[in-house]
């Protein structure tokens, strides 16, 4: 029984010392991972703001395109009316 207790004490002591030796390395690894997570978080924030800016620019471009299309349709209608008036003027000069 005494031998088992001494052996068990030795194993516990060895594991305890091994665990203590790895704590510094574990803390360094955790610090490195925290640094990487912070860096990735900053990148995600920047990409999110870039995405929002691009989305707004796309909406403005779509609105500008719709306005240009409407103006082109109005210009085409005015040109058609002008052509009709011109045709009426020309037809009134025929003998």
PDB file of N, CA and C in Angstrom:
ATOM      1  N   UNK A   1       0.821  -1.180   0.000  1.00  0.00           N
ATOM      2  CA  UNK A   1       0.000   0.000   0.000  1.00  0.00           C
ATOM      3  C   UNK A   1       0.871   1.250   0.000  1.00  0.00           C
ATOM      4  N   UNK A   2       1.931   1.212   0.762  1.00  0.00           N
ATOM      5  CA  UNK A   2       2.840   2.331   0.866  1.00  0.00           C
ATOM      6  C   UNK A   2       3.539   2.585  -0.471  1.00  0.00           C
ATOM      7  N   UNK A   3       3.877   1.484  -1.184  1.00  0.00           N
ATOM      8  CA  UNK A   3       4.527   1.618  -2.489  1.00  0.00           C
ATOM      9  C   UNK A   3       3.582   2.288  -3.481  1.00  0.00           C
ATOM     10  N   UNK A   4       2.315   1.895  -3.433  1.00  0.00           N
ATOM     11  CA  UNK A   4       1.331   2.483  -4.347  1.00  0.00           C
ATOM     12  C   UNK A   4       1.174   3.977  -4.079  1.00  0.00           C
ATOM     13  N   UNK A   5       1.175   4.355  -2.831  1.00  0.00           N
ATOM     14  CA  UNK A   5       1.022   5.756  -2.465  1.00  0.00           C
ATOM     15  C   UNK A   5       2.229   6.572  -2.922  1.00  0.00           C
ATOM     16  N   UNK A   6       3.423   6.011  -2.777  1.00  0.00           N
ATOM     17  CA  UNK A   6       4.640   6.704  -3.215  1.00  0.00           C
ATOM     18  C   UNK A   6       4.655   6.817  -4.737  1.00  0.00           C
ATOM     19  N   UNK A   7       4.267   5.738  -5.425  1.00  0.00           N
ATOM     20  CA  UNK A   7       4.226   5.756  -6.885  1.00  0.00           C
ATOM     21  C   UNK A   7       3.191   6.767  -7.369  1.00  0.00           C
ATOM     22  N   UNK A   8       2.033   6.747  -6.756  1.00  0.00           N
ATOM     23  CA  UNK A   8       0.977   7.686  -7.127  1.00  0.00           C
ATOM     24  C   UNK A   8       1.410   9.128  -6.867  1.00  0.00           C
ATOM     25  N   UNK A   9       2.096   9.360  -5.770  1.00  0.00           N
ATOM     26  CA  UNK A   9       2.606  10.701  -5.460  1.00  0.00           C
ATOM     27  C   UNK A   9       3.609  11.149  -6.513  1.00  0.00           C
ATOM     28  N   UNK A  10       4.475  10.233  -6.941  1.00  0.00           N
ATOM     29  CA  UNK A  10       5.465  10.554  -7.977  1.00  0.00           C
ATOM     30  C   UNK A  10       4.793  10.904  -9.294  1.00  0.00           C
ATOM     31  N   UNK A  11       3.774  10.142  -9.661  1.00  0.00           N
ATOM     32  CA  UNK A  11       3.060  10.404 -10.917  1.00  0.00           C
ATOM     33  C   UNK A  11       2.353  11.755 -10.849  1.00  0.00           C
ATOM     34  N   UNK A  12       1.700  12.019  -9.724  1.00  0.00           N
ATOM     35  CA  UNK A  12       0.991  13.296  -9.566  1.00  0.00           C
ATOM     36  C   UNK A  12       1.978  14.452  -9.605  1.00  0.00           C
ATOM     37  N   UNK A  13       3.119  14.295  -8.942  1.00  0.00           N
ATOM     38  CA  UNK A  13       4.135  15.339  -8.938  1.00  0.00           C
ATOM     39  C   UNK A  13       4.678  15.577 -10.349  1.00  0.00           C
ATOM     40  N   UNK A  14       4.938  14.491 -11.081  1.00  0.00           N
ATOM     41  CA  UNK A  14       5.455  14.618 -12.447  1.00  0.00           C
ATOM     42  C   UNK A  14       4.432  15.313 -13.343  1.00  0.00           C
ATOM     43  N   UNK A  15       3.179  14.919 -13.234  1.00  0.00           N
ATOM     44  CA  UNK A  15       2.137  15.557 -14.048  1.00  0.00           C
ATOM     45  C   UNK A  15       1.954  17.019 -13.662  1.00  0.00           C
ATOM     46  N   UNK A  16       2.044  17.289 -12.385  1.00  0.00           N
ATOM     47  CA  UNK A  16       1.913  18.669 -11.923  1.00  0.00           C
ATOM     48  C   UNK A  16       3.019  19.549 -12.458  1.00  0.00           C
ATOM     49  N   UNK A  17       4.246  19.053 -12.430  1.00  0.00           N
ATOM     50  CA  UNK A  17       5.366  19.836 -12.945  1.00  0.00           C
ATOM     51  C   UNK A  17       5.279  20.003 -14.458  1.00  0.00           C
ATOM     52  N   UNK A  18       4.826  18.951 -15.128  1.00  0.00           N
ATOM     53  CA  UNK A  18       4.667  19.039 -16.581  1.00  0.00           C
ATOM     54  C   UNK A  18       3.598  20.064 -16.925  1.00  0.00           C
ATOM     55  N   UNK A  19       2.510  20.049 -16.178  1.00  0.00           N
ATOM     56  CA  UNK A  19       1.443  21.020 -16.405  1.00  0.00           C
ATOM     57  C   UNK A  19       1.911  22.438 -16.168  1.00  0.00           C
ATOM     58  N   UNK A  20       2.708  22.662 -15.165  1.00  0.00           N
ATOM     59  CA  UNK A  20       3.230  24.000 -14.873  1.00  0.00           C
ATOM     60  C   UNK A  20       4.182  24.462 -15.962  1.00  0.00           C
ATOM     61  N   UNK A  21       4.970  23.539 -16.489  1.00  0.00           N
ATOM     62  CA  UNK A  21       5.925  23.899 -17.527  1.00  0.00           C
ATOM     63  C   UNK A  21       5.194  24.304 -18.801  1.00  0.00           C
ATOM     64  N   UNK A  22       4.044  23.721 -19.067  1.00  0.00           N
ATOM     65  CA  UNK A  22       3.303  24.016 -20.288  1.00  0.00           C
ATOM     66  C   UNK A  22       2.435  25.263 -20.163  1.00  0.00           C
ATOM     67  N   UNK A  23       2.229  25.757 -18.957  1.00  0.00           N
ATOM     68  CA  UNK A  23       1.368  26.926 -18.793  1.00  0.00           C
ATOM     69  C   UNK A  23       1.925  28.152 -19.496  1.00  0.00           C
ATOM     70  N   UNK A  24       3.234  28.364 -19.429  1.00  0.00           N
ATOM     71  CA  UNK A  24       3.827  29.521 -20.097  1.00  0.00           C
ATOM     72  C   UNK A  24       3.642  29.427 -21.606  1.00  0.00           C
ATOM     73  N   UNK A  25       3.892  28.246 -22.147  1.00  0.00           N
ATOM     74  CA  UNK A  25       3.717  28.054 -23.586  1.00  0.00           C
ATOM     75  C   UNK A  25       2.248  28.204 -23.965  1.00  0.00           C
ATOM     76  N   UNK A  26       1.382  27.651 -23.137  1.00  0.00           N
ATOM     77  CA  UNK A  26      -0.050  27.771 -23.386  1.00  0.00           C
ATOM     78  C   UNK A  26      -0.474  29.236 -23.360  1.00  0.00           C
ATOM     79  N   UNK A  27       0.027  29.982 -22.411  1.00  0.00           N
ATOM     80  CA  UNK A  27      -0.295  31.413 -22.334  1.00  0.00           C
ATOM     81  C   UNK A  27       0.214  32.169 -23.557  1.00  0.00           C
ATOM     82  N   UNK A  28       1.402  31.812 -24.051  1.00  0.00           N
ATOM     83  CA  UNK A  28       1.927  32.445 -25.266  1.00  0.00           C
ATOM     84  C   UNK A  28       1.037  32.116 -26.458  1.00  0.00           C
ATOM     85  N   UNK A  29       0.631  30.844 -26.553  1.00  0.00           N
ATOM     86  CA  UNK A  29      -0.239  30.448 -27.662  1.00  0.00           C
ATOM     87  C   UNK A  29      -1.576  31.178 -27.601  1.00  0.00           C
ATOM     88  N   UNK A  30      -2.111  31.311 -26.410  1.00  0.00           N
ATOM     89  CA  UNK A  30      -3.378  32.024 -26.255  1.00  0.00           C
ATOM     90  C   UNK A  30      -3.207  33.491 -26.630  1.00  0.00           C
ATOM     91  N   UNK A  31      -2.106  34.090 -26.223  1.00  0.00           N
ATOM     92  CA  UNK A  31      -1.846  35.494 -26.571  1.00  0.00           C
ATOM     93  C   UNK A  31      -1.710  35.658 -28.081  1.00  0.00           C
ATOM     94  N   UNK A  32      -1.004  34.716 -28.733  1.00  0.00           N
ATOM     95  CA  UNK A  32      -0.869  34.765 -30.190  1.00  0.00           C
ATOM     96  C   UNK A  32      -2.226  34.642 -30.864  1.00  0.00           C
ATOM     97  N   UNK A  33      -3.031  33.711 -30.382  1.00  0.00           N
ATOM     98  CA  UNK A  33      -4.360  33.524 -30.967  1.00  0.00           C
ATOM     99  C   UNK A  33      -5.236  34.758 -30.750  1.00  0.00           C
ATOM    100  N   UNK A  34      -5.140  35.366 -29.579  1.00  0.00           N
ATOM    101  CA  UNK A  34      -5.912  36.586 -29.325  1.00  0.00           C
ATOM    102  C   UNK A  34      -5.491  37.710 -30.265  1.00  0.00           C
ATOM    103  N   UNK A  35      -4.190  37.799 -30.525  1.00  0.00           N
ATOM    104  CA  UNK A  35      -3.689  38.810 -31.459  1.00  0.00           C
ATOM    105  C   UNK A  35      -4.244  38.566 -32.855  1.00  0.00           C
ATOM    106  N   UNK A  36      -4.234  37.309 -33.270  1.00  0.00           N
ATOM    107  CA  UNK A  36      -4.759  36.973 -34.597  1.00  0.00           C
ATOM    108  C   UNK A  36      -6.258  37.250 -34.680  1.00  0.00           C
ATOM    109  N   UNK A  37      -6.988  36.922 -33.636  1.00  0.00           N
ATOM    110  CA  UNK A  37      -8.431  37.175 -33.621  1.00  0.00           C
ATOM    111  C   UNK A  37      -8.702  38.674 -33.705  1.00  0.00           C
ATOM    112  N   UNK A  38      -7.939  39.470 -32.963  1.00  0.00           N
ATOM    113  CA  UNK A  38      -8.105  40.924 -33.017  1.00  0.00           C
ATOM    114  C   UNK A  38      -7.817  41.458 -34.419  1.00  0.00           C
ATOM    115  N   UNK A  39      -6.768  40.934 -35.039  1.00  0.00           N
ATOM    116  CA  UNK A  39      -6.417  41.357 -36.391  1.00  0.00           C
ATOM    117  C   UNK A  39      -7.528  41.004 -37.373  1.00  0.00           C
ATOM    118  N   UNK A  40      -8.043  39.789 -37.265  1.00  0.00           N
ATOM    119  CA  UNK A  40      -9.127  39.378 -38.152  1.00  0.00           C
ATOM    120  C   UNK A  40     -10.388  40.200 -37.905  1.00  0.00           C
ATOM    121  N   UNK A  41     -10.650  40.544 -36.666  1.00  0.00           N
ATOM    122  CA  UNK A  41     -11.818  41.374 -36.352  1.00  0.00           C
ATOM    123  C   UNK A  41     -11.696  42.745 -37.002  1.00  0.00           C
ATOM    124  N   UNK A  42     -10.500  43.318 -36.966  1.00  0.00           N
ATOM    125  CA  UNK A  42     -10.292  44.616 -37.607  1.00  0.00           C
ATOM    126  C   UNK A  42     -10.477  44.509 -39.121  1.00  0.00           C
ATOM    127  N   UNK A  43      -9.976  43.412 -39.705  1.00  0.00           N
ATOM    128  CA  UNK A  43     -10.140  43.225 -41.142  1.00  0.00           C
ATOM    129  C   UNK A  43     -11.614  43.078 -41.505  1.00  0.00           C
ATOM    130  N   UNK A  44     -12.361  42.335 -40.708  1.00  0.00           N
ATOM    131  CA  UNK A  44     -13.790  42.154 -40.967  1.00  0.00           C
ATOM    132  C   UNK A  44     -14.514  43.492 -40.857  1.00  0.00           C
ATOM    133  N   UNK A  45     -14.167  44.294 -39.864  1.00  0.00           N
ATOM    134  CA  UNK A  45     -14.787  45.615 -39.714  1.00  0.00           C
ATOM    135  C   UNK A  45     -14.500  46.499 -40.929  1.00  0.00           C
ATOM    136  N   UNK A  46     -13.252  46.477 -41.396  1.00  0.00           N
ATOM    137  CA  UNK A  46     -12.889  47.286 -42.563  1.00  0.00           C
ATOM    138  C   UNK A  46     -13.634  46.803 -43.800  1.00  0.00           C
ATOM    139  N   UNK A  47     -13.692  45.484 -43.991  1.00  0.00           N
ATOM    140  CA  UNK A  47     -14.399  44.949 -45.147  1.00  0.00           C
ATOM    141  C   UNK A  47     -15.890  45.259 -45.078  1.00  0.00           C
ATOM    142  N   UNK A  48     -16.447  45.246 -43.884  1.00  0.00           N
ATOM    143  CA  UNK A  48     -17.864  45.579 -43.729  1.00  0.00           C
ATOM    144  C   UNK A  48     -18.127  47.027 -44.113  1.00  0.00           C
ATOM    145  N   UNK A  49     -17.258  47.923 -43.688  1.00  0.00           N
ATOM    146  CA  UNK A  49     -17.453  49.331 -44.050  1.00  0.00           C
ATOM    147  C   UNK A  49     -17.231  49.542 -45.548  1.00  0.00           C
ATOM    148  N   UNK A  50     -16.254  48.851 -46.128  1.00  0.00           N
ATOM    149  CA  UNK A  50     -16.042  48.936 -47.578  1.00  0.00           C
ATOM    150  C   UNK A  50     -17.263  48.422 -48.330  1.00  0.00           C
ATOM    151  N   UNK A  51     -17.831  47.326 -47.849  1.00  0.00           N
ATOM    152  CA  UNK A  51     -19.016  46.744 -48.483  1.00  0.00           C
ATOM    153  C   UNK A  51     -20.188  47.711 -48.416  1.00  0.00           C
ATOM    154  N   UNK A  52     -20.374  48.350 -47.274  1.00  0.00           N
ATOM    155  CA  UNK A  52     -21.471  49.313 -47.124  1.00  0.00           C
ATOM    156  C   UNK A  52     -21.286  50.493 -48.076  1.00  0.00           C
ATOM    157  N   UNK A  53     -20.049  50.961 -48.218  1.00  0.00           N
ATOM    158  CA  UNK A  53     -19.776  52.075 -49.131  1.00  0.00           C
ATOM    159  C   UNK A  53     -20.058  51.674 -50.575  1.00  0.00           C
ATOM    160  N   UNK A  54     -19.657  50.472 -50.946  1.00  0.00           N
ATOM    161  CA  UNK A  54     -19.915  49.998 -52.306  1.00  0.00           C
ATOM    162  C   UNK A  54     -21.407  49.826 -52.556  1.00  0.00           C
ATOM    163  N   UNK A  55     -22.119  49.377 -51.553  1.00  0.00           N
ATOM    164  CA  UNK A  55     -23.563  49.191 -51.682  1.00  0.00           C
ATOM    165  C   UNK A  55     -24.244  50.537 -51.928  1.00  0.00           C
ATOM    166  N   UNK A  56     -23.825  51.560 -51.191  1.00  0.00           N
ATOM    167  CA  UNK A  56     -24.395  52.898 -51.381  1.00  0.00           C
ATOM    168  C   UNK A  56     -24.051  53.439 -52.769  1.00  0.00           C
ATOM    169  N   UNK A  57     -22.818  53.217 -53.216  1.00  0.00           N
ATOM    170  CA  UNK A  57     -22.413  53.680 -54.543  1.00  0.00           C
ATOM    171  C   UNK A  57     -23.231  52.980 -55.625  1.00  0.00           C
ATOM    172  N   UNK A  58     -23.507  51.703 -55.435  1.00  0.00           N
ATOM    173  CA  UNK A  58     -24.311  50.952 -56.396  1.00  0.00           C
ATOM    174  C   UNK A  58     -25.729  51.500 -56.450  1.00  0.00           C
ATOM    175  N   UNK A  59     -26.293  51.815 -55.285  1.00  0.00           N
ATOM    176  CA  UNK A  59     -27.645  52.384 -55.259  1.00  0.00           C
ATOM    177  C   UNK A  59     -27.681  53.734 -55.971  1.00  0.00           C
ATOM    178  N   UNK A  60     -26.652  54.571 -55.738  1.00  0.00           N
ATOM    179  CA  UNK A  60     -26.602  55.869 -56.417  1.00  0.00           C
ATOM    180  C   UNK A  60     -26.473  55.690 -57.919  1.00  0.00           C
ATOM    181  N   UNK A  61     -25.647  54.735 -58.348  1.00  0.00           N
ATOM    182  CA  UNK A  61     -25.470  54.492 -59.778  1.00  0.00           C
ATOM    183  C   UNK A  61     -26.770  54.008 -60.407  1.00  0.00           C
ATOM    184  N   UNK A  62     -27.488  53.144 -59.703  1.00  0.00           N
ATOM    185  CA  UNK A  62     -28.765  52.650 -60.217  1.00  0.00           C
ATOM    186  C   UNK A  62     -29.771  53.792 -60.332  1.00  0.00           C
ATOM    187  N   UNK A  63     -29.790  54.683 -59.348  1.00  0.00           N
ATOM    188  CA  UNK A  63     -30.702  55.829 -59.400  1.00  0.00           C
ATOM    189  C   UNK A  63     -30.327  56.761 -60.552  1.00  0.00           C
ATOM    190  N   UNK A  64     -29.028  56.989 -60.739  1.00  0.00           N
ATOM    191  CA  UNK A  64     -28.573  57.837 -61.846  1.00  0.00           C
ATOM    192  C   UNK A  64     -28.936  57.216 -63.192  1.00  0.00           C
ATOM    193  N   UNK A  65     -28.786  55.897 -63.309  1.00  0.00           N
ATOM    194  CA  UNK A  65     -29.125  55.208 -64.554  1.00  0.00           C
ATOM    195  C   UNK A  65     -30.624  55.304 -64.827  1.00  0.00           C
ATOM    196  N   UNK A  66     -31.445  55.160 -63.796  1.00  0.00           N
ATOM    197  CA  UNK A  66     -32.892  55.266 -63.970  1.00  0.00           C
ATOM    198  C   UNK A  66     -33.276  56.680 -64.401  1.00  0.00           C
ATOM    199  N   UNK A  67     -32.639  57.680 -63.806  1.00  0.00           N
ATOM    200  CA  UNK A  67     -32.921  59.069 -64.187  1.00  0.00           C
ATOM    201  C   UNK A  67     -32.501  59.327 -65.631  1.00  0.00           C
ATOM    202  N   UNK A  68     -31.355  58.799 -66.037  1.00  0.00           N
ATOM    203  CA  UNK A  68     -30.886  58.973 -67.413  1.00  0.00           C
ATOM    204  C   UNK A  68     -31.828  58.284 -68.392  1.00  0.00           C
ATOM    205  N   UNK A  69     -32.331  57.121 -68.017  1.00  0.00           N
ATOM    206  CA  UNK A  69     -33.270  56.397 -68.880  1.00  0.00           C
ATOM    207  C   UNK A  69     -34.562  57.195 -69.043  1.00  0.00           C
ATOM    208  N   UNK A  70     -35.033  57.776 -67.948  1.00  0.00           N
ATOM    209  CA  UNK A  70     -36.251  58.584 -68.004  1.00  0.00           C
ATOM    210  C   UNK A  70     -36.040  59.824 -68.878  1.00  0.00           C
ATOM    211  N   UNK A  71     -34.885  60.469 -68.720  1.00  0.00           N
ATOM    212  CA  UNK A  71     -34.587  61.646 -69.535  1.00  0.00           C
ATOM    213  C   UNK A  71     -34.485  61.277 -71.015  1.00  0.00           C
ATOM    214  N   UNK A  72     -33.920  60.116 -71.320  1.00  0.00           N
ATOM    215  CA  UNK A  72     -33.810  59.675 -72.708  1.00  0.00           C
ATOM    216  C   UNK A  72     -35.193  59.409 -73.295  1.00  0.00           C
ATOM    217  N   UNK A  73     -36.081  58.818 -72.502  1.00  0.00           N
ATOM    218  CA  UNK A  73     -37.439  58.558 -72.977  1.00  0.00           C
ATOM    219  C   UNK A  73     -38.175  59.869 -73.235  1.00  0.00           C
ATOM    220  N   UNK A  74     -38.006  60.849 -72.352  1.00  0.00           N
ATOM    221  CA  UNK A  74     -38.634  62.160 -72.548  1.00  0.00           C
ATOM    222  C   UNK A  74     -38.085  62.847 -73.797  1.00  0.00           C
ATOM    223  N   UNK A  75     -36.777  62.746 -74.009  1.00  0.00           N
ATOM    224  CA  UNK A  75     -36.161  63.349 -75.189  1.00  0.00           C
ATOM    225  C   UNK A  75     -36.668  62.678 -76.460  1.00  0.00           C
ATOM    226  N   UNK A  76     -36.840  61.367 -76.421  1.00  0.00           N
ATOM    227  CA  UNK A  76     -37.355  60.652 -77.586  1.00  0.00           C
ATOM    228  C   UNK A  76     -38.793  61.076 -77.874  1.00  0.00           C
ATOM    229  N   UNK A  77     -39.598  61.254 -76.835  1.00  0.00           N
ATOM    230  CA  UNK A  77     -40.981  61.690 -77.026  1.00  0.00           C
ATOM    231  C   UNK A  77     -41.020  63.102 -77.609  1.00  0.00           C
ATOM    232  N   UNK A  78     -40.177  63.988 -77.105  1.00  0.00           N
ATOM    233  CA  UNK A  78     -40.113  65.354 -77.639  1.00  0.00           C
ATOM    234  C   UNK A  78     -39.659  65.348 -79.098  1.00  0.00           C
ATOM    235  N   UNK A  79     -38.698  64.509 -79.422  1.00  0.00           N
ATOM    236  CA  UNK A  79     -38.218  64.421 -80.804  1.00  0.00           C
ATOM    237  C   UNK A  79     -39.321  63.908 -81.717  1.00  0.00           C
ATOM    238  N   UNK A  80     -40.084  62.947 -81.227  1.00  0.00           N
ATOM    239  CA  UNK A  80     -41.191  62.414 -82.025  1.00  0.00           C
ATOM    240  C   UNK A  80     -42.238  63.495 -82.274  1.00  0.00           C
ATOM    241  N   UNK A  81     -42.557  64.275 -81.241  1.00  0.00           N
ATOM    242  CA  UNK A  81     -43.525  65.369 -81.406  1.00  0.00           C
ATOM    243  C   UNK A  81     -43.000  66.405 -82.392  1.00  0.00           C
ATOM    244  N   UNK A  82     -41.723  66.716 -82.301  1.00  0.00           N
ATOM    245  CA  UNK A  82     -41.128  67.691 -83.215  1.00  0.00           C
ATOM    246  C   UNK A  82     -41.180  67.180 -84.645  1.00  0.00           C
ATOM    247  N   UNK A  83     -40.923  65.903 -84.844  1.00  0.00           N
ATOM    248  CA  UNK A  83     -40.991  65.319 -86.188  1.00  0.00           C
ATOM    249  C   UNK A  83     -42.412  65.370 -86.728  1.00  0.00           C
ATOM    250  N   UNK A  84     -43.403  65.122 -85.878  1.00  0.00           N
ATOM    251  CA  UNK A  84     -44.798  65.185 -86.321  1.00  0.00           C
ATOM    252  C   UNK A  84     -45.159  66.614 -86.737  1.00  0.00           C
ATOM    253  N   UNK A  85     -44.737  67.596 -85.946  1.00  0.00           N
ATOM    254  CA  UNK A  85     -45.018  68.992 -86.295  1.00  0.00           C
ATOM    255  C   UNK A  85     -44.335  69.364 -87.608  1.00  0.00           C
ATOM    256  N   UNK A  86     -43.113  68.905 -87.777  1.00  0.00           N
ATOM    257  CA  UNK A  86     -42.386  69.190 -89.011  1.00  0.00           C
ATOM    258  C   UNK A  86     -43.073  68.543 -90.202  1.00  0.00           C
ATOM    259  N   UNK A  87     -43.551  67.310 -90.018  1.00  0.00           N
ATOM    260  CA  UNK A  87     -44.269  66.636 -91.104  1.00  0.00           C
ATOM    261  C   UNK A  87     -45.544  67.396 -91.458  1.00  0.00           C
ATOM    262  N   UNK A  88     -46.235  67.956 -90.478  1.00  0.00           N
ATOM    263  CA  UNK A  88     -47.457  68.719 -90.742  1.00  0.00           C
ATOM    264  C   UNK A  88     -47.137  70.002 -91.499  1.00  0.00           C
ATOM    265  N   UNK A  89     -46.040  70.638 -91.123  1.00  0.00           N
ATOM    266  CA  UNK A  89     -45.643  71.866 -91.809  1.00  0.00           C
ATOM    267  C   UNK A  89     -45.289  71.550 -93.248  1.00  0.00           C
ATOM    268  N   UNK A  90     -44.545  70.496 -93.483  1.00  0.00           N
ATOM    269  CA  UNK A  90     -44.131  70.116 -94.831  1.00  0.00           C
ATOM    270  C   UNK A  90     -45.351  69.727 -95.654  1.00  0.00           C
ATOM    271  N   UNK A  91     -46.295  68.998 -95.074  1.00  0.00           N
ATOM    272  CA  UNK A  91     -47.476  68.563 -95.834  1.00  0.00           C
ATOM    273  C   UNK A  91     -48.379  69.750 -96.170  1.00  0.00           C
ATOM    274  N   UNK A  92     -48.359  70.799 -95.401  1.00  0.00           N
ATOM    275  CA  UNK A  92     -49.197  71.965 -95.706  1.00  0.00           C
ATOM    276  C   UNK A  92     -48.631  72.765 -96.880  1.00  0.00           C
ATOM    277  N   UNK A  93     -47.361  72.624 -97.224  1.00  0.00           N
ATOM    278  CA  UNK A  93     -46.765  73.341 -98.341  1.00  0.00           C
ATOM    279  C   UNK A  93     -46.960  72.626 -99.667  1.00  0.00           C
ATOM    280  N   UNK A  94     -47.466  71.412 -99.648  1.00  0.00           N
ATOM    281  CA  UNK A  94     -47.652  70.683-100.904  1.00  0.00           C
ATOM    282  C   UNK A  94     -48.820  71.295-101.659  1.00  0.00           C
ATOM    283  N   UNK A  95     -48.715  71.286-102.961  1.00  0.00           N
ATOM    284  CA  UNK A  95     -49.767  71.851-103.793  1.00  0.00           C
ATOM    285  C   UNK A  95     -50.748  70.818-104.213  1.00  0.00           C
TER     286      UNK A  95
END
